Amino acid sequence: MSDVMSVSVNELAADAVILDVREDYEWEAGHVEGAIHIPLEQLPARLDELDPDTDLNVICRTGGRSFRATTWLNQNGYSAFNVIGGMGAWFEADRPMVSSTEETPRVL
């Protein structure tokens, strides 16, 4: 059994802090408005951009990268929760998304 705390998309409060660990091209195609974007591979170098006193809800496309990020963040003193099903679940729950392009937001 995993020690990583998880949260479903439907359990997230409207003001929840979302950390998106997907790659730039995925973020540009569609993301949660107001989310923090730090690709997984950059997380150790950019850790100081995150508030250690804030609960972080970590999201990726399906949950694998966010699981790794959540595990690492918790091991480094942060309070992090893995968003179950990632952006796929976010999209399926018809939660709002924005894109960095002129196209309709989508999950890649």
N, C-alpha and C. Protein backbone atom coordinates (compact mmCIF):
# COMPACT_ATOMS: atom_id res chain seq x y z
N MET A 1 0.84 -1.18 0.00
CA MET A 1 0.00 0.00 0.00
C MET A 1 0.88 1.24 0.00
N SER A 2 0.50 2.23 -0.71
CA SER A 2 1.28 3.47 -0.84
C SER A 2 0.99 4.41 0.31
N ASP A 3 2.01 5.16 0.72
CA ASP A 3 1.85 6.18 1.76
C ASP A 3 1.47 7.52 1.16
N VAL A 4 1.41 7.61 -0.15
CA VAL A 4 1.10 8.87 -0.81
C VAL A 4 -0.38 9.18 -0.66
N MET A 5 -0.66 10.39 -0.18
CA MET A 5 -2.05 10.83 -0.05
C MET A 5 -2.56 11.23 -1.42
N SER A 6 -3.79 10.84 -1.70
CA SER A 6 -4.40 11.14 -2.99
C SER A 6 -5.70 11.88 -2.79
N VAL A 7 -6.12 12.58 -3.83
CA VAL A 7 -7.37 13.33 -3.82
C VAL A 7 -8.01 13.19 -5.19
N SER A 8 -9.32 13.04 -5.22
CA SER A 8 -10.00 12.99 -6.52
C SER A 8 -10.29 14.40 -7.00
N VAL A 9 -10.50 14.54 -8.28
CA VAL A 9 -10.81 15.84 -8.87
C VAL A 9 -12.05 16.44 -8.20
N ASN A 10 -13.03 15.62 -7.92
CA ASN A 10 -14.27 16.10 -7.32
C ASN A 10 -14.12 16.54 -5.87
N GLU A 11 -13.05 16.11 -5.21
CA GLU A 11 -12.80 16.51 -3.82
C GLU A 11 -12.03 17.83 -3.71
N LEU A 12 -11.48 18.31 -4.81
CA LEU A 12 -10.68 19.52 -4.78
C LEU A 12 -11.55 20.76 -4.58
N ALA A 13 -11.15 21.60 -3.64
CA ALA A 13 -11.86 22.86 -3.42
C ALA A 13 -11.56 23.81 -4.58
N ALA A 14 -12.44 24.77 -4.78
CA ALA A 14 -12.26 25.74 -5.87
C ALA A 14 -10.97 26.52 -5.73
N ASP A 15 -10.50 26.72 -4.50
CA ASP A 15 -9.28 27.49 -4.28
C ASP A 15 -8.05 26.62 -4.02
N ALA A 16 -8.15 25.32 -4.35
CA ALA A 16 -7.02 24.41 -4.15
C ALA A 16 -5.83 24.84 -4.99
N VAL A 17 -4.63 24.70 -4.42
CA VAL A 17 -3.40 25.00 -5.15
C VAL A 17 -3.04 23.77 -5.97
N ILE A 18 -2.97 23.95 -7.28
CA ILE A 18 -2.66 22.87 -8.21
C ILE A 18 -1.24 23.05 -8.73
N LEU A 19 -0.44 22.00 -8.65
CA LEU A 19 0.90 21.98 -9.23
C LEU A 19 0.88 21.01 -10.40
N ASP A 20 1.07 21.53 -11.60
CA ASP A 20 1.05 20.74 -12.83
C ASP A 20 2.49 20.39 -13.20
N VAL A 21 2.81 19.10 -13.24
CA VAL A 21 4.19 18.67 -13.51
C VAL A 21 4.37 18.12 -14.92
N ARG A 22 3.44 18.44 -15.81
CA ARG A 22 3.56 17.97 -17.21
C ARG A 22 4.57 18.81 -17.98
N GLU A 23 4.88 18.35 -19.16
CA GLU A 23 5.81 19.05 -20.05
C GLU A 23 5.15 20.31 -20.62
N ASP A 24 5.97 21.22 -21.13
CA ASP A 24 5.49 22.49 -21.66
C ASP A 24 4.41 22.32 -22.72
N TYR A 25 4.61 21.40 -23.67
CA TYR A 25 3.63 21.24 -24.75
C TYR A 25 2.29 20.76 -24.22
N GLU A 26 2.30 19.96 -23.17
CA GLU A 26 1.05 19.49 -22.57
C GLU A 26 0.33 20.64 -21.86
N TRP A 27 1.10 21.43 -21.13
CA TRP A 27 0.57 22.59 -20.42
C TRP A 27 -0.06 23.58 -21.40
N GLU A 28 0.65 23.84 -22.48
CA GLU A 28 0.17 24.82 -23.47
C GLU A 28 -1.15 24.37 -24.09
N ALA A 29 -1.34 23.07 -24.28
CA ALA A 29 -2.56 22.55 -24.90
C ALA A 29 -3.77 22.72 -23.99
N GLY A 30 -3.58 22.58 -22.70
CA GLY A 30 -4.69 22.73 -21.76
C GLY A 30 -4.25 22.49 -20.33
N HIS A 31 -4.68 23.39 -19.44
CA HIS A 31 -4.32 23.27 -18.03
C HIS A 31 -5.38 23.93 -17.15
N VAL A 32 -5.23 23.72 -15.86
CA VAL A 32 -6.11 24.33 -14.88
C VAL A 32 -5.70 25.80 -14.73
N GLU A 33 -6.66 26.70 -14.90
CA GLU A 33 -6.34 28.11 -14.75
C GLU A 33 -5.85 28.39 -13.34
N GLY A 34 -4.74 29.13 -13.25
CA GLY A 34 -4.17 29.48 -11.96
C GLY A 34 -3.21 28.44 -11.39
N ALA A 35 -3.05 27.32 -12.09
CA ALA A 35 -2.14 26.28 -11.61
C ALA A 35 -0.69 26.75 -11.72
N ILE A 36 0.15 26.16 -10.89
CA ILE A 36 1.60 26.38 -10.95
C ILE A 36 2.15 25.33 -11.91
N HIS A 37 3.00 25.75 -12.84
CA HIS A 37 3.56 24.80 -13.80
C HIS A 37 5.05 24.64 -13.58
N ILE A 38 5.43 23.44 -13.14
CA ILE A 38 6.84 23.08 -13.02
C ILE A 38 6.97 21.64 -13.53
N PRO A 39 7.54 21.45 -14.72
CA PRO A 39 7.71 20.09 -15.23
C PRO A 39 8.48 19.21 -14.22
N LEU A 40 8.12 17.95 -14.15
CA LEU A 40 8.68 17.03 -13.17
C LEU A 40 10.20 17.09 -13.11
N GLU A 41 10.86 17.08 -14.27
CA GLU A 41 12.33 17.06 -14.27
C GLU A 41 12.94 18.34 -13.70
N GLN A 42 12.18 19.43 -13.67
CA GLN A 42 12.68 20.70 -13.14
C GLN A 42 12.36 20.91 -11.66
N LEU A 43 11.55 20.04 -11.10
CA LEU A 43 11.06 20.24 -9.74
C LEU A 43 12.17 20.42 -8.70
N PRO A 44 13.20 19.57 -8.66
CA PRO A 44 14.24 19.78 -7.65
C PRO A 44 14.93 21.15 -7.74
N ALA A 45 15.18 21.62 -8.96
CA ALA A 45 15.87 22.90 -9.14
C ALA A 45 14.96 24.09 -8.85
N ARG A 46 13.64 23.88 -8.91
CA ARG A 46 12.70 24.99 -8.74
C ARG A 46 11.86 24.88 -7.47
N LEU A 47 12.30 24.05 -6.56
CA LEU A 47 11.57 23.81 -5.33
C LEU A 47 11.30 25.09 -4.54
N ASP A 48 12.21 26.04 -4.61
CA ASP A 48 12.04 27.29 -3.85
C ASP A 48 10.88 28.15 -4.36
N GLU A 49 10.29 27.78 -5.50
CA GLU A 49 9.12 28.50 -6.02
C GLU A 49 7.83 28.06 -5.33
N LEU A 50 7.92 27.01 -4.52
CA LEU A 50 6.74 26.48 -3.85
C LEU A 50 6.75 26.83 -2.37
N ASP A 51 5.57 27.10 -1.82
CA ASP A 51 5.43 27.42 -0.41
C ASP A 51 5.30 26.13 0.39
N PRO A 52 6.26 25.86 1.28
CA PRO A 52 6.20 24.62 2.05
C PRO A 52 5.03 24.57 3.05
N ASP A 53 4.38 25.69 3.27
CA ASP A 53 3.25 25.75 4.20
C ASP A 53 1.89 25.63 3.50
N THR A 54 1.92 25.37 2.21
CA THR A 54 0.69 25.26 1.42
C THR A 54 0.50 23.83 0.94
N ASP A 55 -0.74 23.32 1.05
CA ASP A 55 -1.04 22.01 0.50
C ASP A 55 -0.99 22.09 -1.01
N LEU A 56 -0.23 21.20 -1.63
CA LEU A 56 -0.09 21.16 -3.09
C LEU A 56 -0.85 19.94 -3.61
N ASN A 57 -1.68 20.16 -4.61
CA ASN A 57 -2.40 19.09 -5.29
C ASN A 57 -1.73 18.90 -6.64
N VAL A 58 -1.00 17.81 -6.77
CA VAL A 58 -0.11 17.61 -7.91
C VAL A 58 -0.83 16.83 -9.01
N ILE A 59 -0.73 17.36 -10.24
CA ILE A 59 -1.46 16.77 -11.36
C ILE A 59 -0.53 16.60 -12.56
N CYS A 60 -0.79 15.55 -13.34
CA CYS A 60 -0.12 15.34 -14.63
C CYS A 60 -1.20 14.86 -15.59
N ARG A 61 -0.86 14.05 -16.57
CA ARG A 61 -1.87 13.60 -17.53
C ARG A 61 -2.76 12.51 -16.94
N THR A 62 -2.13 11.46 -16.36
CA THR A 62 -2.93 10.35 -15.84
C THR A 62 -2.63 9.99 -14.39
N GLY A 63 -1.56 10.51 -13.82
CA GLY A 63 -1.28 10.26 -12.42
C GLY A 63 0.09 9.69 -12.10
N GLY A 64 0.83 9.23 -13.09
CA GLY A 64 2.14 8.62 -12.83
C GLY A 64 3.20 9.62 -12.41
N ARG A 65 3.37 10.66 -13.20
CA ARG A 65 4.38 11.68 -12.87
C ARG A 65 4.00 12.42 -11.60
N SER A 66 2.71 12.70 -11.44
CA SER A 66 2.28 13.41 -10.23
C SER A 66 2.49 12.53 -8.99
N PHE A 67 2.35 11.24 -9.12
CA PHE A 67 2.62 10.33 -8.00
C PHE A 67 4.09 10.43 -7.59
N ARG A 68 4.99 10.42 -8.58
CA ARG A 68 6.42 10.54 -8.27
C ARG A 68 6.73 11.89 -7.64
N ALA A 69 6.14 12.95 -8.19
CA ALA A 69 6.37 14.29 -7.66
C ALA A 69 5.82 14.41 -6.23
N THR A 70 4.64 13.87 -6.00
CA THR A 70 4.03 13.91 -4.67
C THR A 70 4.90 13.18 -3.65
N THR A 71 5.37 12.01 -4.02
CA THR A 71 6.25 11.24 -3.14
C THR A 71 7.49 12.05 -2.79
N TRP A 72 8.13 12.63 -3.80
CA TRP A 72 9.36 13.40 -3.59
C TRP A 72 9.10 14.63 -2.74
N LEU A 73 8.01 15.35 -3.03
CA LEU A 73 7.68 16.55 -2.25
C LEU A 73 7.44 16.21 -0.78
N ASN A 74 6.68 15.15 -0.53
CA ASN A 74 6.42 14.74 0.85
C ASN A 74 7.72 14.36 1.57
N GLN A 75 8.62 13.71 0.87
CA GLN A 75 9.91 13.33 1.46
C GLN A 75 10.78 14.56 1.77
N ASN A 76 10.47 15.67 1.12
CA ASN A 76 11.24 16.89 1.31
C ASN A 76 10.48 17.93 2.15
N GLY A 77 9.52 17.48 2.92
CA GLY A 77 8.86 18.34 3.89
C GLY A 77 7.66 19.12 3.41
N TYR A 78 7.19 18.84 2.21
CA TYR A 78 6.01 19.53 1.68
C TYR A 78 4.77 18.69 1.92
N SER A 79 3.63 19.33 1.94
CA SER A 79 2.35 18.64 2.05
C SER A 79 1.77 18.55 0.64
N ALA A 80 1.83 17.36 0.05
CA ALA A 80 1.41 17.19 -1.33
C ALA A 80 0.45 16.01 -1.46
N PHE A 81 -0.48 16.16 -2.38
CA PHE A 81 -1.50 15.15 -2.64
C PHE A 81 -1.53 14.87 -4.13
N ASN A 82 -1.59 13.60 -4.49
CA ASN A 82 -1.65 13.20 -5.89
C ASN A 82 -3.10 13.28 -6.38
N VAL A 83 -3.33 14.00 -7.47
CA VAL A 83 -4.68 14.10 -8.04
C VAL A 83 -4.93 12.84 -8.87
N ILE A 84 -5.88 12.03 -8.40
CA ILE A 84 -6.18 10.74 -9.02
C ILE A 84 -6.70 10.94 -10.45
N GLY A 85 -6.06 10.26 -11.39
CA GLY A 85 -6.51 10.31 -12.79
C GLY A 85 -6.01 11.51 -13.57
N GLY A 86 -5.36 12.45 -12.89
CA GLY A 86 -4.74 13.59 -13.56
C GLY A 86 -5.68 14.45 -14.39
N MET A 87 -5.11 15.07 -15.42
CA MET A 87 -5.89 15.96 -16.28
C MET A 87 -6.96 15.20 -17.06
N GLY A 88 -6.74 13.92 -17.28
CA GLY A 88 -7.78 13.11 -17.92
C GLY A 88 -9.04 13.10 -17.07
N ALA A 89 -8.88 12.90 -15.77
CA ALA A 89 -10.02 12.91 -14.85
C ALA A 89 -10.61 14.32 -14.74
N TRP A 90 -9.74 15.32 -14.77
CA TRP A 90 -10.20 16.72 -14.71
C TRP A 90 -11.12 17.00 -15.90
N PHE A 91 -10.67 16.60 -17.10
CA PHE A 91 -11.44 16.80 -18.32
C PHE A 91 -12.76 16.03 -18.25
N GLU A 92 -12.71 14.77 -17.84
CA GLU A 92 -13.90 13.93 -17.76
C GLU A 92 -14.92 14.50 -16.77
N ALA A 93 -14.44 15.18 -15.72
CA ALA A 93 -15.34 15.78 -14.72
C ALA A 93 -15.87 17.13 -15.20
N ASP A 94 -15.50 17.51 -16.42
CA ASP A 94 -15.95 18.76 -17.03
C ASP A 94 -15.55 19.98 -16.20
N ARG A 95 -14.34 19.89 -15.61
CA ARG A 95 -13.81 21.02 -14.86
C ARG A 95 -13.20 22.00 -15.85
N PRO A 96 -13.20 23.30 -15.55
CA PRO A 96 -12.71 24.30 -16.51
C PRO A 96 -11.21 24.19 -16.79
N MET A 97 -10.88 24.43 -18.04
CA MET A 97 -9.49 24.42 -18.50
C MET A 97 -9.25 25.63 -19.39
N VAL A 98 -7.98 26.02 -19.48
CA VAL A 98 -7.56 27.07 -20.40
C VAL A 98 -6.37 26.54 -21.19
N SER A 99 -6.06 27.21 -22.30
CA SER A 99 -4.88 26.82 -23.06
C SER A 99 -4.01 28.06 -23.27
N SER A 100 -2.79 27.83 -23.67
CA SER A 100 -1.85 28.92 -23.96
C SER A 100 -1.84 29.22 -25.45
N THR A 101 -2.76 28.61 -26.17
CA THR A 101 -2.84 28.81 -27.61
C THR A 101 -4.24 29.35 -27.94
N GLU A 102 -4.50 29.53 -29.20
CA GLU A 102 -5.82 29.98 -29.65
C GLU A 102 -6.81 28.81 -29.75
N GLU A 103 -6.31 27.60 -29.56
CA GLU A 103 -7.15 26.41 -29.72
C GLU A 103 -7.96 26.12 -28.45
N THR A 104 -9.00 25.31 -28.61
CA THR A 104 -9.79 24.85 -27.48
C THR A 104 -8.90 24.03 -26.55
N PRO A 105 -8.97 24.24 -25.24
CA PRO A 105 -8.12 23.46 -24.31
C PRO A 105 -8.37 21.98 -24.47
N ARG A 106 -7.29 21.20 -24.39
CA ARG A 106 -7.39 19.75 -24.49
C ARG A 106 -6.28 19.11 -23.69
N VAL A 107 -6.41 17.85 -23.41
CA VAL A 107 -5.42 17.11 -22.66
C VAL A 107 -4.59 16.28 -23.63
N LEU A 108 -3.29 16.47 -23.58
CA LEU A 108 -2.36 15.67 -24.40
C LEU A 108 -1.66 14.66 -23.54
